[in-house]
Amino acid sequence: MAAVDVQSGKVLWSRREAGHWADCAVGDGPTLACTKNVRLSGDVVARVSFFDLASGAERVVQTVRVHGTPSIVSVDDGFVVAVPRDSGVGLREEGPVPDRGAATVDRRPLITRFEPTGQRSWSVNGSTGERTVRSVIGSRVIVMESDDGAVSFYRADTGTLVHREPTSMAPSCGAPDEVTGMMVCTSIVGQPSRPNYLLYEGGFAVDPAGGSPVTVTYDETGRRTGRLIGWRLAEGADFPRERPLVDPESIPVVSGRKVGVVTADTGALRWTRAVTGDGIAKVRALDERHVAVGTSEFGPGDAYSETWRLIDAATGESGGTVTSNFGAWLFGFDGRRLLFAGDPAEHQRPNAPRLTAFDGENGSRRWTIDPADRDAGWQQVGRVLYSVGSTGYGPGWIARYAS
């Protein structure tokens, strides 16, 4: 594990120790918290280490006496660690765990909040089947995701369960076609439909599983603030931790061939716009002021393309338009330019994705760069772009790109 100065690339500190880190999170203060499984008195438990971010010095070590793989998120100025009870989890350095044929009786996770000092603030047992904790930087809500796809929302400051959204065996339906009135419903035999969710500043929004489309907004106490029938959230929970919270005034939603943004406090649409073409309409939140509206289409010979347009989230006014083939996908936004990973001229995703920037106002191409290594990957943190890679099982490396 190492800390790198973002301006100079200088390694500030590094440390190597036995075992394998499971997850890490950086708090608002100068604290890094990391989790791993260790063996204590013969039992596998979760260890939480708190490091000084500036020096790498280990300040405090806490133990969560639960047998399972831990996950961690930063919240406010502290951290939340969730450890599911799973007797099948072992230590990687000890090899595979023998199958003893005995299932864990209590499958509820233990969820614990720690202050930056390492002091425990609260601990609660989650619901059966919950495994992984999720959140977004700045949110006062944490989400526990279950094995079956159900999600539970907890207050980050108290650990109070404020809302639980279950799965459903009912098919999931789209909005009725504006011309024919027909509605398409889909399901996978034997598998439940899963709810979709999104965290925004001050609360969260949910698409209930199954049935007709509807978006429901809640504040951080679990009080329902709005309900928009006929629309679904445009994006779900797979948010990178570095992405900022969605603006509660501009929650992206989609309904058939229309896209728009909804206000959390009232559940009312601020603006909508129809998407041209025959493909699937989509909208993606980019930052607090912009969304990208897109459509995907199949042409002759199953040629796949996506067209994205930059939109002012407050007014719905249009910016530049970018069209790419299957080889490229919308990667991010740096405040001025839409970033696409992959080669727009290819019809399959290449092994070494190049990165191309397009002007957000007029859609013109600004620059194209290739990664320094074929196995490298791009990471965007705020407005900063990094290329991260490693050589086989050797040391990793990171490079920052100028704006």
Protein backbone atom coordinates (compact mmCIF):
# COMPACT_ATOMS: atom_id res chain seq x y z
CA MET A 1 0.00 0.00 0.00
CA ALA A 2 1.31 3.45 -0.90
CA ALA A 3 0.30 7.12 -0.87
CA VAL A 4 1.22 9.29 -3.85
CA ASP A 5 1.29 13.10 -4.06
CA VAL A 6 -1.26 14.04 -6.73
CA GLN A 7 0.73 17.06 -7.93
CA SER A 8 4.22 15.60 -8.24
CA GLY A 9 3.65 11.83 -8.35
CA LYS A 10 6.15 11.42 -5.50
CA VAL A 11 5.56 8.43 -3.24
CA LEU A 12 4.87 9.93 0.18
CA TRP A 13 4.97 6.63 2.03
CA SER A 14 4.51 2.92 1.47
CA ARG A 15 4.12 -0.10 3.70
CA ARG A 16 4.08 -3.83 3.23
CA GLU A 17 2.74 -6.36 5.71
CA ALA A 18 1.35 -9.87 5.85
CA GLY A 19 -2.13 -10.58 4.57
CA HIS A 20 -4.28 -8.94 1.92
CA TRP A 21 -6.28 -5.75 2.31
CA ALA A 22 -9.95 -6.24 1.51
CA ASP A 23 -11.03 -2.60 1.17
CA CYS A 24 -9.96 0.97 2.02
CA ALA A 25 -11.63 4.38 2.35
CA VAL A 26 -10.34 7.92 2.81
CA GLY A 27 -12.22 10.16 5.25
CA ASP A 28 -12.76 13.90 5.12
CA GLY A 29 -9.97 14.33 7.66
CA PRO A 30 -6.36 13.14 7.20
CA THR A 31 -7.30 9.51 7.94
CA LEU A 32 -7.14 6.36 5.83
CA ALA A 33 -9.03 3.29 7.07
CA CYS A 34 -8.44 -0.20 5.65
CA THR A 35 -9.93 -3.59 6.38
CA LYS A 36 -8.63 -7.13 6.10
CA ASN A 37 -9.28 -10.59 7.48
CA VAL A 38 -6.83 -11.92 10.06
CA ARG A 39 -6.69 -14.89 12.38
CA LEU A 40 -7.10 -14.13 16.07
CA SER A 41 -6.99 -16.93 18.67
CA GLY A 42 -7.68 -19.39 15.87
CA ASP A 43 -10.74 -17.55 14.51
CA VAL A 44 -10.98 -15.52 11.30
CA VAL A 45 -12.06 -11.96 12.15
CA ALA A 46 -12.09 -8.55 10.48
CA ARG A 47 -9.41 -6.00 11.35
CA VAL A 48 -9.77 -2.26 10.76
CA SER A 49 -6.57 -0.19 10.68
CA PHE A 50 -6.55 3.60 10.85
CA PHE A 51 -3.58 5.35 9.25
CA ASP A 52 -2.37 8.92 9.22
CA LEU A 53 -2.79 9.85 5.57
CA ALA A 54 0.21 12.19 5.60
CA SER A 55 2.77 9.82 7.14
CA GLY A 56 1.32 6.32 6.80
CA ALA A 57 1.67 5.75 10.53
CA GLU A 58 -0.83 3.26 11.92
CA ARG A 59 -2.71 5.08 14.68
CA VAL A 60 -5.34 2.61 15.86
CA VAL A 61 -6.35 -0.99 15.17
CA GLN A 62 -9.86 -2.27 15.86
CA THR A 63 -11.22 -5.79 15.61
CA VAL A 64 -14.70 -6.78 14.46
CA ARG A 65 -15.19 -10.30 15.78
CA VAL A 66 -17.27 -11.56 12.87
CA HIS A 67 -16.19 -14.25 10.40
CA GLY A 68 -16.70 -12.70 6.96
CA THR A 69 -15.24 -10.43 4.27
CA PRO A 70 -15.43 -6.75 5.35
CA SER A 71 -16.34 -3.73 3.21
CA ILE A 72 -15.90 -0.08 4.18
CA VAL A 73 -17.11 3.38 3.12
CA SER A 74 -16.34 6.88 4.34
CA VAL A 75 -19.27 8.87 5.76
CA ASP A 76 -19.24 12.46 7.05
CA ASP A 77 -15.94 12.52 8.95
CA GLY A 78 -15.98 8.82 9.85
CA PHE A 79 -16.26 5.32 8.40
CA VAL A 80 -18.78 2.50 8.27
CA VAL A 81 -17.62 -1.12 8.13
CA ALA A 82 -19.93 -4.04 7.30
CA VAL A 83 -18.95 -7.65 7.91
CA PRO A 84 -21.37 -10.39 6.74
CA ARG A 85 -21.38 -13.57 8.79
CA ASP A 86 -19.90 -16.15 6.41
CA SER A 87 -18.05 -19.14 7.79
CA GLY A 88 -16.83 -20.03 4.29
CA VAL A 89 -14.43 -17.07 4.19
CA GLY A 90 -10.77 -17.84 4.85
CA LEU A 91 -7.42 -16.13 4.52
CA ARG A 92 -6.02 -15.98 0.99
CA GLU A 93 -2.55 -16.76 2.24
CA GLU A 94 -3.85 -20.01 3.79
CA GLY A 95 -5.49 -21.30 0.61
CA PRO A 96 -9.06 -22.48 -0.03
CA VAL A 97 -11.38 -23.13 2.91
CA PRO A 98 -12.49 -26.80 3.14
CA ASP A 99 -16.20 -27.32 2.59
CA ARG A 100 -17.48 -28.60 5.92
CA GLY A 101 -21.09 -28.62 4.76
CA ALA A 102 -22.28 -26.40 7.59
CA ALA A 103 -24.04 -23.14 6.75
CA THR A 104 -23.77 -20.05 8.91
CA VAL A 105 -26.86 -19.92 11.12
CA ASP A 106 -26.96 -16.15 11.61
CA ARG A 107 -26.43 -14.51 8.21
CA ARG A 108 -27.04 -10.95 9.38
CA PRO A 109 -24.05 -8.61 8.89
CA LEU A 110 -22.61 -6.53 11.70
CA ILE A 111 -22.51 -2.87 10.67
CA THR A 112 -20.24 -0.58 12.68
CA ARG A 113 -19.43 3.11 12.48
CA PHE A 114 -15.99 4.33 13.51
CA GLU A 115 -14.84 7.88 14.12
CA PRO A 116 -11.57 9.03 12.47
CA THR A 117 -9.88 8.37 15.81
CA GLY A 118 -10.86 4.71 15.54
CA GLN A 119 -13.45 4.93 18.30
CA ARG A 120 -16.64 2.94 17.77
CA SER A 121 -19.71 5.15 17.41
CA TRP A 122 -22.43 2.51 16.95
CA SER A 123 -22.97 -1.10 15.87
CA VAL A 124 -26.16 -2.69 14.53
CA ASN A 125 -27.09 -6.03 13.01
CA GLY A 126 -28.34 -5.72 9.45
CA SER A 127 -30.96 -7.88 7.77
CA THR A 128 -30.40 -11.47 6.68
CA GLY A 129 -28.55 -11.70 3.38
CA GLU A 130 -27.08 -8.19 3.41
CA ARG A 131 -23.44 -8.36 2.43
CA THR A 132 -21.86 -5.15 1.09
CA VAL A 133 -22.04 -1.54 2.28
CA ARG A 134 -22.23 1.25 -0.32
CA SER A 135 -22.35 5.01 -0.18
CA VAL A 136 -21.20 8.11 -2.04
CA ILE A 137 -18.88 10.79 -0.69
CA GLY A 138 -20.95 13.41 1.12
CA SER A 139 -24.04 11.24 1.64
CA ARG A 140 -25.51 10.82 5.12
CA VAL A 141 -27.07 7.53 4.05
CA ILE A 142 -25.43 4.12 3.68
CA VAL A 143 -26.87 1.28 1.60
CA MET A 144 -26.63 -2.43 2.38
CA GLU A 145 -26.98 -4.65 -0.68
CA SER A 146 -28.33 -8.17 -0.25
CA ASP A 147 -27.43 -11.32 -2.13
CA ASP A 148 -30.86 -11.45 -3.75
CA GLY A 149 -30.77 -7.80 -4.88
CA ALA A 150 -32.80 -6.17 -2.09
CA VAL A 151 -31.39 -2.95 -0.65
CA SER A 152 -31.65 -1.34 2.79
CA PHE A 153 -30.97 2.29 3.68
CA TYR A 154 -29.48 3.28 7.05
CA ARG A 155 -28.71 6.63 8.67
CA ALA A 156 -24.95 7.06 8.71
CA ASP A 157 -24.99 9.03 11.96
CA THR A 158 -27.11 6.62 14.03
CA GLY A 159 -27.27 3.30 12.18
CA THR A 160 -31.06 3.50 12.10
CA LEU A 161 -32.77 1.53 9.32
CA VAL A 162 -34.96 4.06 7.48
CA HIS A 163 -36.12 2.10 4.43
CA ARG A 164 -35.88 -1.35 2.86
CA GLU A 165 -36.68 -2.05 -0.77
CA PRO A 166 -37.37 -5.73 -1.56
CA THR A 167 -37.10 -7.71 -4.75
CA SER A 168 -40.18 -8.87 -6.67
CA MET A 169 -41.09 -11.92 -8.74
CA ALA A 170 -43.32 -9.70 -10.92
CA PRO A 171 -41.98 -8.73 -14.36
CA SER A 172 -40.39 -5.30 -14.73
CA CYS A 173 -42.28 -3.12 -17.22
CA GLY A 174 -41.35 -0.11 -19.30
CA ALA A 175 -43.40 2.96 -20.07
CA PRO A 176 -46.31 2.52 -22.54
CA ASP A 177 -45.54 3.32 -26.16
CA GLU A 178 -46.92 6.78 -26.99
CA VAL A 179 -48.36 5.57 -30.32
CA THR A 180 -49.61 2.05 -29.67
CA GLY A 181 -50.02 2.20 -25.89
CA MET A 182 -48.32 -1.19 -25.62
CA MET A 183 -46.07 -1.90 -22.64
CA VAL A 184 -43.08 -4.27 -22.70
CA CYS A 185 -42.48 -6.31 -19.54
CA THR A 186 -39.45 -8.53 -18.99
CA SER A 187 -38.37 -11.08 -16.40
CA ILE A 188 -35.88 -13.94 -16.01
CA VAL A 189 -37.49 -17.25 -15.14
CA GLY A 190 -36.82 -18.18 -11.54
CA GLN A 191 -35.04 -14.91 -10.72
CA PRO A 192 -36.57 -11.88 -8.98
CA SER A 193 -36.62 -8.36 -10.37
CA ARG A 194 -34.28 -6.04 -8.45
CA PRO A 195 -34.92 -2.50 -7.30
CA ASN A 196 -32.78 0.33 -8.57
CA TYR A 197 -31.57 3.23 -6.43
CA LEU A 198 -29.62 6.47 -6.46
CA LEU A 199 -28.15 8.60 -3.67
CA TYR A 200 -28.45 12.37 -3.80
CA GLU A 201 -27.63 15.16 -1.39
CA GLY A 202 -30.11 14.86 1.49
CA GLY A 203 -31.72 11.55 0.57
CA PHE A 204 -32.19 8.78 -1.95
CA ALA A 205 -34.43 7.71 -4.83
CA VAL A 206 -35.75 4.23 -5.56
CA ASP A 207 -37.27 2.33 -8.47
CA PRO A 208 -39.30 -0.46 -6.85
CA ALA A 209 -38.71 -3.90 -8.32
CA GLY A 210 -41.24 -5.25 -10.82
CA GLY A 211 -44.42 -3.69 -12.13
CA SER A 212 -44.91 -0.41 -13.97
CA PRO A 213 -42.22 2.29 -13.86
CA VAL A 214 -42.26 4.66 -10.89
CA THR A 215 -39.59 6.72 -9.15
CA VAL A 216 -39.97 7.42 -5.43
CA THR A 217 -37.83 9.96 -3.55
CA TYR A 218 -37.06 9.92 0.18
CA ASP A 219 -35.19 12.22 2.51
CA GLU A 220 -32.42 10.84 4.73
CA THR A 221 -34.91 10.00 7.51
CA GLY A 222 -36.85 7.70 5.16
CA ARG A 223 -39.77 10.11 4.74
CA ARG A 224 -41.24 9.94 1.25
CA THR A 225 -41.00 13.29 -0.52
CA GLY A 226 -42.19 12.51 -4.05
CA ARG A 227 -43.58 9.85 -6.37
CA LEU A 228 -43.30 10.10 -10.15
CA ILE A 229 -45.40 7.53 -12.04
CA GLY A 230 -44.29 6.35 -15.48
CA TRP A 231 -40.60 7.19 -15.06
CA ARG A 232 -37.59 5.18 -13.91
CA LEU A 233 -34.22 6.26 -12.59
CA ALA A 234 -31.68 6.62 -15.35
CA GLU A 235 -28.83 5.31 -13.23
CA GLY A 236 -28.50 2.86 -10.39
CA ALA A 237 -26.10 2.15 -7.56
CA ASP A 238 -22.91 1.39 -9.38
CA PHE A 239 -21.33 4.71 -8.54
CA PRO A 240 -17.58 5.04 -8.23
CA ARG A 241 -16.78 6.45 -4.82
CA GLU A 242 -15.07 9.48 -6.31
CA ARG A 243 -18.25 10.60 -8.12
CA PRO A 244 -20.02 13.46 -6.32
CA LEU A 245 -23.57 13.20 -5.05
CA VAL A 246 -26.33 13.83 -7.54
CA ASP A 247 -27.96 17.26 -7.23
CA PRO A 248 -31.40 16.79 -5.57
CA GLU A 249 -32.78 19.32 -8.06
CA SER A 250 -31.61 17.29 -11.07
CA ILE A 251 -32.21 13.56 -10.60
CA PRO A 252 -32.01 11.94 -14.07
CA VAL A 253 -35.03 9.83 -15.11
CA VAL A 254 -36.19 8.12 -18.29
CA SER A 255 -39.57 7.10 -19.72
CA GLY A 256 -39.57 5.25 -23.02
CA ARG A 257 -38.32 7.72 -25.66
CA LYS A 258 -38.20 10.65 -23.20
CA VAL A 259 -35.60 11.74 -20.67
CA GLY A 260 -35.71 14.39 -18.00
CA VAL A 261 -34.73 15.45 -14.48
CA VAL A 262 -36.91 15.38 -11.37
CA THR A 263 -36.75 17.44 -8.16
CA ALA A 264 -36.39 15.36 -5.00
CA ASP A 265 -38.45 17.63 -2.71
CA THR A 266 -41.60 17.42 -4.82
CA GLY A 267 -41.10 14.56 -7.25
CA ALA A 268 -41.96 16.97 -10.08
CA LEU A 269 -40.23 17.02 -13.45
CA ARG A 270 -38.13 20.13 -14.14
CA TRP A 271 -37.82 19.46 -17.85
CA THR A 272 -38.17 16.65 -20.36
CA ARG A 273 -37.05 16.11 -23.90
CA ALA A 274 -37.78 13.48 -26.52
CA VAL A 275 -34.83 11.53 -27.90
CA THR A 276 -34.73 11.10 -31.66
CA GLY A 277 -33.90 7.83 -33.40
CA ASP A 278 -35.04 4.28 -32.85
CA GLY A 279 -32.70 3.29 -30.01
CA ILE A 280 -33.03 3.20 -26.24
CA ALA A 281 -33.14 6.60 -24.53
CA LYS A 282 -30.82 7.17 -21.57
CA VAL A 283 -29.62 10.02 -19.38
CA ARG A 284 -26.58 10.11 -17.14
CA ALA A 285 -25.66 12.59 -14.39
CA LEU A 286 -22.17 14.00 -15.01
CA ASP A 287 -21.73 16.60 -12.28
CA GLU A 288 -23.82 19.08 -10.30
CA ARG A 289 -24.58 21.16 -13.43
CA HIS A 290 -24.66 18.75 -16.36
CA VAL A 291 -26.28 15.57 -17.58
CA ALA A 292 -25.65 13.62 -20.77
CA VAL A 293 -28.64 12.51 -22.83
CA GLY A 294 -28.06 9.62 -25.19
CA THR A 295 -29.56 6.98 -27.40
CA SER A 296 -28.20 3.65 -28.60
CA GLU A 297 -29.08 2.18 -31.98
CA PHE A 298 -28.38 -0.84 -34.17
CA GLY A 299 -27.73 -0.18 -37.85
CA PRO A 300 -27.21 -2.41 -40.88
CA GLY A 301 -25.20 -5.52 -40.08
CA ASP A 302 -25.91 -5.07 -36.36
CA ALA A 303 -23.55 -2.10 -36.28
CA TYR A 304 -24.00 -0.52 -32.84
CA SER A 305 -23.69 3.20 -32.11
CA GLU A 306 -24.35 5.61 -29.25
CA THR A 307 -25.10 9.32 -29.57
CA TRP A 308 -24.64 11.55 -26.52
CA ARG A 309 -25.58 15.20 -26.07
CA LEU A 310 -24.43 17.42 -23.19
CA ILE A 311 -27.39 19.09 -21.42
CA ASP A 312 -27.58 21.85 -18.82
CA ALA A 313 -29.27 20.10 -15.88
CA ALA A 314 -31.05 23.23 -14.68
CA THR A 315 -32.53 24.43 -17.99
CA GLY A 316 -32.42 21.48 -20.38
CA GLU A 317 -30.45 23.54 -22.92
CA SER A 318 -28.36 21.50 -25.36
CA GLY A 319 -24.62 21.44 -25.87
CA GLY A 320 -22.44 19.41 -28.22
CA THR A 321 -23.27 15.97 -29.67
CA VAL A 322 -20.90 13.00 -29.95
CA THR A 323 -21.58 9.72 -31.78
CA SER A 324 -19.43 6.64 -31.28
CA ASN A 325 -19.54 2.99 -32.29
CA PHE A 326 -19.41 -0.11 -30.10
CA GLY A 327 -15.69 0.31 -29.56
CA ALA A 328 -16.09 3.41 -27.41
CA TRP A 329 -18.18 4.26 -24.36
CA LEU A 330 -18.85 7.41 -22.37
CA PHE A 331 -16.23 7.39 -19.62
CA GLY A 332 -16.54 10.72 -17.83
CA PHE A 333 -16.69 14.50 -17.92
CA ASP A 334 -14.06 16.98 -16.75
CA GLY A 335 -16.29 20.06 -16.66
CA ARG A 336 -15.59 21.04 -20.26
CA ARG A 337 -15.13 17.87 -22.25
CA LEU A 338 -16.90 14.54 -22.65
CA LEU A 339 -14.39 11.70 -22.27
CA PHE A 340 -14.79 8.48 -24.24
CA ALA A 341 -12.72 5.34 -23.63
CA GLY A 342 -12.01 3.01 -26.54
CA ASP A 343 -11.53 3.62 -30.23
CA PRO A 344 -14.64 5.18 -31.84
CA ALA A 345 -13.65 3.64 -35.19
CA GLU A 346 -13.76 0.08 -33.83
CA HIS A 347 -16.81 -2.17 -33.56
CA GLN A 348 -15.45 -4.10 -30.62
CA ARG A 349 -13.97 -2.87 -27.37
CA PRO A 350 -10.16 -2.93 -27.76
CA ASN A 351 -7.81 -4.43 -25.19
CA ALA A 352 -5.93 -1.14 -24.77
CA PRO A 353 -8.62 1.57 -24.65
CA ARG A 354 -7.51 4.92 -25.94
CA LEU A 355 -9.12 8.01 -24.45
CA THR A 356 -10.70 10.74 -26.57
CA ALA A 357 -12.03 14.11 -25.39
CA PHE A 358 -14.80 16.01 -27.17
CA ASP A 359 -15.74 19.63 -26.57
CA GLY A 360 -18.95 19.80 -24.55
CA GLU A 361 -20.26 22.89 -26.37
CA ASN A 362 -19.82 21.88 -30.02
CA GLY A 363 -18.86 18.19 -29.98
CA SER A 364 -15.52 18.70 -31.73
CA ARG A 365 -12.65 16.34 -30.94
CA ARG A 366 -10.03 17.99 -28.72
CA TRP A 367 -7.42 15.26 -28.16
CA THR A 368 -6.77 11.51 -28.19
CA ILE A 369 -4.26 9.63 -26.03
CA ASP A 370 -3.27 5.98 -25.74
CA PRO A 371 -2.43 4.33 -22.39
CA ALA A 372 1.23 3.71 -21.67
CA ASP A 373 0.53 0.04 -21.05
CA ARG A 374 -1.89 -2.35 -22.76
CA ASP A 375 -3.14 -3.60 -19.39
CA ALA A 376 -3.58 -0.14 -17.90
CA GLY A 377 -6.96 1.30 -16.94
CA TRP A 378 -8.29 4.83 -16.69
CA GLN A 379 -9.48 6.35 -13.42
CA GLN A 380 -11.14 9.75 -13.06
CA VAL A 381 -11.06 11.35 -9.61
CA GLY A 382 -12.93 14.63 -9.58
CA ARG A 383 -11.54 16.60 -12.53
CA VAL A 384 -8.25 14.69 -12.55
CA LEU A 385 -7.43 11.81 -14.91
CA TYR A 386 -5.12 8.92 -14.03
CA SER A 387 -3.82 5.83 -15.79
CA VAL A 388 -3.26 2.91 -13.41
CA GLY A 389 -1.54 -0.37 -14.19
CA SER A 390 0.89 -3.06 -13.11
CA THR A 391 3.38 -5.44 -14.69
CA GLY A 392 2.20 -9.00 -14.17
CA TYR A 393 2.32 -9.68 -10.45
CA GLY A 394 4.96 -7.00 -9.95
CA PRO A 395 4.67 -3.47 -8.55
CA GLY A 396 1.85 -1.24 -9.69
CA TRP A 397 2.21 2.22 -11.18
CA ILE A 398 0.10 5.34 -11.62
CA ALA A 399 0.38 8.30 -14.00
CA ARG A 400 -1.50 11.60 -13.87
CA TYR A 401 -2.47 13.37 -17.08
CA ALA A 402 -2.55 17.13 -17.45
CA SER A 403 -5.84 18.90 -18.18
